[in-house]
Amino acid sequence: MGHYVEKIGNTPVRFLVMFRTSYFADLSLNQWMALTPPQLLQAHFPLDQTVMENLHKKKYPIVSA
């Protein structure tokens, strides 16, 4: 299930992730959308052109607000 973590305060954050599995996979929704043909995204999601132009083809694990 997709999820994200957002820092909303001014203090440092330490984030510990644990999974009960020997396999870990990381998927960037931003990257996935950027690499999907724009006409396909627009056919399924009501996205503004500004949103489409700001998608990143490179994955950024930590993104500032």
C-alpha atoms as a PDB file:
ATOM      1  CA  MET A   1       0.000   0.000   0.000  1.00  0.00           C
ATOM      2  CA  GLY A   2       1.335   3.424  -0.885  1.00  0.00           C
ATOM      3  CA  HIS A   3       2.284   5.799   1.897  1.00  0.00           C
ATOM      4  CA  TYR A   4       4.593   8.680   2.659  1.00  0.00           C
ATOM      5  CA  VAL A   5       6.105  10.464   5.642  1.00  0.00           C
ATOM      6  CA  GLU A   6       5.870  14.236   5.988  1.00  0.00           C
ATOM      7  CA  LYS A   7       7.910  16.249   8.466  1.00  0.00           C
ATOM      8  CA  ILE A   8       5.698  19.041   9.810  1.00  0.00           C
ATOM      9  CA  GLY A   9       7.844  20.426  12.638  1.00  0.00           C
ATOM     10  CA  ASN A  10      11.155  22.231  13.022  1.00  0.00           C
ATOM     11  CA  THR A  11      13.042  19.595  15.003  1.00  0.00           C
ATOM     12  CA  PRO A  12      15.241  16.848  13.499  1.00  0.00           C
ATOM     13  CA  VAL A  13      13.482  13.623  12.510  1.00  0.00           C
ATOM     14  CA  ARG A  14      14.759  10.085  12.885  1.00  0.00           C
ATOM     15  CA  PHE A  15      12.735   7.569  10.950  1.00  0.00           C
ATOM     16  CA  LEU A  16      13.216   3.822  11.428  1.00  0.00           C
ATOM     17  CA  VAL A  17      11.636   1.422   8.963  1.00  0.00           C
ATOM     18  CA  MET A  18      11.357  -2.285   9.717  1.00  0.00           C
ATOM     19  CA  PHE A  19       9.851  -5.010   7.588  1.00  0.00           C
ATOM     20  CA  ARG A  20       9.431  -8.657   8.419  1.00  0.00           C
ATOM     21  CA  THR A  21      10.895  -9.887   5.160  1.00  0.00           C
ATOM     22  CA  SER A  22      14.263 -10.523   3.588  1.00  0.00           C
ATOM     23  CA  TYR A  23      13.298  -8.419   0.559  1.00  0.00           C
ATOM     24  CA  PHE A  24      12.916  -4.626   0.473  1.00  0.00           C
ATOM     25  CA  ALA A  25      11.595  -2.649  -2.481  1.00  0.00           C
ATOM     26  CA  ASP A  26      11.167   1.086  -2.831  1.00  0.00           C
ATOM     27  CA  LEU A  27       8.791   2.596  -5.373  1.00  0.00           C
ATOM     28  CA  SER A  28       8.558   6.312  -6.117  1.00  0.00           C
ATOM     29  CA  LEU A  29       5.052   7.291  -7.241  1.00  0.00           C
ATOM     30  CA  ASN A  30       6.464  10.538  -8.638  1.00  0.00           C
ATOM     31  CA  GLN A  31       9.019   8.646 -10.741  1.00  0.00           C
ATOM     32  CA  TRP A  32       6.495   6.041 -11.859  1.00  0.00           C
ATOM     33  CA  MET A  33       4.124   8.763 -13.036  1.00  0.00           C
ATOM     34  CA  ALA A  34       6.937  10.682 -14.780  1.00  0.00           C
ATOM     35  CA  LEU A  35       7.940   7.581 -16.737  1.00  0.00           C
ATOM     36  CA  THR A  36       4.360   6.755 -17.763  1.00  0.00           C
ATOM     37  CA  PRO A  37       3.189   8.241 -21.084  1.00  0.00           C
ATOM     38  CA  PRO A  38       1.439  11.569 -20.310  1.00  0.00           C
ATOM     39  CA  GLN A  39      -1.650  10.717 -22.377  1.00  0.00           C
ATOM     40  CA  LEU A  40      -2.117   7.533 -20.331  1.00  0.00           C
ATOM     41  CA  LEU A  41      -1.892   9.426 -17.034  1.00  0.00           C
ATOM     42  CA  GLN A  42      -4.297  12.118 -18.220  1.00  0.00           C
ATOM     43  CA  ALA A  43      -6.775   9.454 -19.348  1.00  0.00           C
ATOM     44  CA  HIS A  44      -6.958   8.071 -15.801  1.00  0.00           C
ATOM     45  CA  PHE A  45      -6.112  10.975 -13.480  1.00  0.00           C
ATOM     46  CA  PRO A  46      -7.436  14.567 -13.524  1.00  0.00           C
ATOM     47  CA  LEU A  47      -3.947  16.114 -13.434  1.00  0.00           C
ATOM     48  CA  ASP A  48      -3.216  19.749 -14.108  1.00  0.00           C
ATOM     49  CA  GLN A  49      -0.519  20.429 -16.740  1.00  0.00           C
ATOM     50  CA  THR A  50       1.649  22.050 -14.022  1.00  0.00           C
ATOM     51  CA  VAL A  51       1.623  18.785 -12.074  1.00  0.00           C
ATOM     52  CA  MET A  52       2.596  16.838 -15.180  1.00  0.00           C
ATOM     53  CA  GLU A  53       5.522  19.186 -15.884  1.00  0.00           C
ATOM     54  CA  ASN A  54       6.890  18.869 -12.338  1.00  0.00           C
ATOM     55  CA  LEU A  55       7.117  15.086 -12.168  1.00  0.00           C
ATOM     56  CA  HIS A  56      10.682  13.758 -11.752  1.00  0.00           C
ATOM     57  CA  LYS A  57      12.046  10.874 -13.834  1.00  0.00           C
ATOM     58  CA  LYS A  58      14.835  10.443 -11.278  1.00  0.00           C
ATOM     59  CA  LYS A  59      13.915   9.068  -7.857  1.00  0.00           C
ATOM     60  CA  TYR A  60      14.483  11.399  -4.926  1.00  0.00           C
ATOM     61  CA  PRO A  61      14.123   9.448  -1.646  1.00  0.00           C
ATOM     62  CA  ILE A  62      13.852  12.650   0.387  1.00  0.00           C
ATOM     63  CA  VAL A  63      12.062  15.638  -1.103  1.00  0.00           C
ATOM     64  CA  SER A  64      11.856  19.039   0.582  1.00  0.00           C
ATOM     65  CA  ALA A  65       8.506  20.809   0.686  1.00  0.00           C
END
